[in-house]
Amino acid sequence: MAAYALGVLDEEDHEVFERHLMACEECQLELRELSEVPGFLDAVRRDRSNDLNEDRTPH
């Protein structure tokens, strides 16, 4: 599920999972809950990058 949400499945696995997803309400719900994770991870990465850049700035 996480690999699908993050978009890292190969084409074949992606297609297989999407066929499963069409029929599985439990997975649909879980995917909706996970849909915010990629954006959250990007925000964390940006924050860490900003923190690292600030640490390198002369005070």
N, C-alpha and C. Protein backbone atom coordinates (compact mmCIF):
# COMPACT_ATOMS: atom_id res chain seq x y z
N MET A 1 0.83 -1.19 0.00
CA MET A 1 0.00 0.00 0.00
C MET A 1 0.87 1.26 0.00
N ALA A 2 1.86 1.30 0.87
CA ALA A 2 2.72 2.49 0.95
C ALA A 2 3.47 2.71 -0.35
N ALA A 3 3.96 1.64 -0.96
CA ALA A 3 4.70 1.78 -2.22
C ALA A 3 3.80 2.37 -3.30
N TYR A 4 2.55 1.98 -3.32
CA TYR A 4 1.60 2.54 -4.29
C TYR A 4 1.38 4.02 -3.99
N ALA A 5 1.14 4.36 -2.72
CA ALA A 5 0.88 5.75 -2.34
C ALA A 5 2.07 6.64 -2.66
N LEU A 6 3.27 6.10 -2.54
CA LEU A 6 4.48 6.88 -2.83
C LEU A 6 4.86 6.86 -4.30
N GLY A 7 4.16 6.04 -5.09
CA GLY A 7 4.40 5.99 -6.52
C GLY A 7 5.67 5.27 -6.92
N VAL A 8 6.07 4.26 -6.14
CA VAL A 8 7.32 3.57 -6.44
C VAL A 8 7.14 2.16 -6.97
N LEU A 9 5.90 1.75 -7.24
CA LEU A 9 5.67 0.43 -7.82
C LEU A 9 6.06 0.43 -9.29
N ASP A 10 6.57 -0.71 -9.77
CA ASP A 10 6.80 -0.81 -11.22
C ASP A 10 5.44 -0.90 -11.91
N GLU A 11 5.44 -0.78 -13.22
CA GLU A 11 4.19 -0.69 -13.97
C GLU A 11 3.28 -1.90 -13.75
N GLU A 12 3.87 -3.09 -13.77
CA GLU A 12 3.06 -4.31 -13.59
C GLU A 12 2.42 -4.36 -12.21
N ASP A 13 3.20 -4.11 -11.17
CA ASP A 13 2.65 -4.13 -9.81
C ASP A 13 1.62 -3.02 -9.62
N HIS A 14 1.86 -1.89 -10.23
CA HIS A 14 0.92 -0.77 -10.16
C HIS A 14 -0.44 -1.18 -10.74
N GLU A 15 -0.42 -1.81 -11.90
CA GLU A 15 -1.66 -2.25 -12.54
C GLU A 15 -2.37 -3.31 -11.72
N VAL A 16 -1.61 -4.27 -11.18
CA VAL A 16 -2.21 -5.32 -10.34
C VAL A 16 -2.85 -4.70 -9.11
N PHE A 17 -2.16 -3.78 -8.48
CA PHE A 17 -2.71 -3.16 -7.27
C PHE A 17 -3.95 -2.34 -7.60
N GLU A 18 -3.94 -1.62 -8.71
CA GLU A 18 -5.12 -0.82 -9.06
C GLU A 18 -6.33 -1.71 -9.32
N ARG A 19 -6.13 -2.87 -9.94
CA ARG A 19 -7.26 -3.80 -10.14
C ARG A 19 -7.80 -4.25 -8.78
N HIS A 20 -6.92 -4.57 -7.86
CA HIS A 20 -7.34 -4.97 -6.51
C HIS A 20 -8.08 -3.81 -5.83
N LEU A 21 -7.54 -2.63 -5.96
CA LEU A 21 -8.10 -1.46 -5.30
C LEU A 21 -9.53 -1.18 -5.74
N MET A 22 -9.84 -1.45 -6.99
CA MET A 22 -11.19 -1.21 -7.51
C MET A 22 -12.24 -2.02 -6.74
N ALA A 23 -11.86 -3.17 -6.21
CA ALA A 23 -12.83 -4.06 -5.57
C ALA A 23 -12.72 -4.10 -4.05
N CYS A 24 -11.71 -3.45 -3.48
CA CYS A 24 -11.46 -3.58 -2.04
C CYS A 24 -11.69 -2.26 -1.32
N GLU A 25 -12.83 -2.16 -0.66
CA GLU A 25 -13.17 -0.93 0.07
C GLU A 25 -12.20 -0.65 1.21
N GLU A 26 -11.72 -1.70 1.87
CA GLU A 26 -10.77 -1.52 2.97
C GLU A 26 -9.49 -0.85 2.47
N CYS A 27 -8.98 -1.30 1.34
CA CYS A 27 -7.77 -0.70 0.77
C CYS A 27 -8.03 0.71 0.27
N GLN A 28 -9.22 0.96 -0.26
CA GLN A 28 -9.57 2.31 -0.70
C GLN A 28 -9.52 3.28 0.47
N LEU A 29 -10.06 2.86 1.60
CA LEU A 29 -10.05 3.69 2.80
C LEU A 29 -8.62 3.91 3.28
N GLU A 30 -7.84 2.84 3.33
CA GLU A 30 -6.45 2.96 3.77
C GLU A 30 -5.67 3.90 2.85
N LEU A 31 -5.90 3.80 1.56
CA LEU A 31 -5.20 4.66 0.61
C LEU A 31 -5.58 6.11 0.81
N ARG A 32 -6.85 6.38 1.08
CA ARG A 32 -7.26 7.76 1.36
C ARG A 32 -6.53 8.29 2.59
N GLU A 33 -6.37 7.44 3.60
CA GLU A 33 -5.66 7.86 4.81
C GLU A 33 -4.18 8.11 4.53
N LEU A 34 -3.60 7.32 3.63
CA LEU A 34 -2.18 7.46 3.29
C LEU A 34 -1.91 8.56 2.26
N SER A 35 -2.94 9.07 1.63
CA SER A 35 -2.74 10.00 0.52
C SER A 35 -2.02 11.28 0.95
N GLU A 36 -2.05 11.59 2.24
CA GLU A 36 -1.39 12.80 2.72
C GLU A 36 0.09 12.57 3.03
N VAL A 37 0.52 11.33 3.08
CA VAL A 37 1.89 11.02 3.47
C VAL A 37 2.94 11.61 2.54
N PRO A 38 2.82 11.47 1.21
CA PRO A 38 3.87 12.04 0.35
C PRO A 38 4.06 13.55 0.55
N GLY A 39 2.98 14.29 0.67
CA GLY A 39 3.09 15.73 0.92
C GLY A 39 3.73 16.03 2.26
N PHE A 40 3.38 15.24 3.26
CA PHE A 40 3.97 15.41 4.58
C PHE A 40 5.48 15.15 4.53
N LEU A 41 5.88 14.08 3.84
CA LEU A 41 7.30 13.77 3.73
C LEU A 41 8.05 14.87 2.99
N ASP A 42 7.44 15.43 1.95
CA ASP A 42 8.07 16.54 1.23
C ASP A 42 8.25 17.74 2.15
N ALA A 43 7.25 18.03 2.97
CA ALA A 43 7.35 19.16 3.90
C ALA A 43 8.45 18.94 4.92
N VAL A 44 8.56 17.73 5.44
CA VAL A 44 9.61 17.40 6.40
C VAL A 44 10.98 17.57 5.74
N ARG A 45 11.10 17.08 4.51
CA ARG A 45 12.37 17.19 3.78
C ARG A 45 12.74 18.67 3.58
N ARG A 46 11.77 19.51 3.21
CA ARG A 46 12.04 20.95 3.03
C ARG A 46 12.47 21.58 4.34
N ASP A 47 11.77 21.25 5.43
CA ASP A 47 12.11 21.81 6.74
C ASP A 47 13.52 21.41 7.15
N ARG A 48 13.87 20.15 6.96
CA ARG A 48 15.22 19.69 7.31
C ARG A 48 16.26 20.40 6.46
N SER A 49 15.97 20.56 5.18
CA SER A 49 16.90 21.24 4.28
C SER A 49 17.09 22.68 4.72
N ASN A 50 16.01 23.36 5.07
CA ASN A 50 16.10 24.73 5.57
C ASN A 50 16.91 24.80 6.85
N ASP A 51 16.68 23.85 7.76
CA ASP A 51 17.43 23.81 9.02
C ASP A 51 18.92 23.61 8.76
N LEU A 52 19.25 22.72 7.84
CA LEU A 52 20.65 22.48 7.52
C LEU A 52 21.29 23.72 6.91
N ASN A 53 20.58 24.41 6.04
CA ASN A 53 21.11 25.62 5.43
C ASN A 53 21.32 26.71 6.47
N GLU A 54 20.41 26.82 7.42
CA GLU A 54 20.55 27.81 8.49
C GLU A 54 21.75 27.49 9.37
N ASP A 55 22.00 26.21 9.62
CA ASP A 55 23.15 25.81 10.44
C ASP A 55 24.47 26.17 9.76
N ARG A 56 24.49 26.24 8.45
CA ARG A 56 25.71 26.54 7.70
C ARG A 56 25.92 28.03 7.51
N THR A 57 24.89 28.83 7.80
CA THR A 57 24.99 30.27 7.63
C THR A 57 25.82 30.84 8.78
N PRO A 58 26.83 31.67 8.45
CA PRO A 58 27.64 32.28 9.53
C PRO A 58 26.76 33.15 10.42
N HIS A 59 27.00 33.09 11.70
CA HIS A 59 26.21 33.86 12.68
C HIS A 59 26.96 35.08 13.10
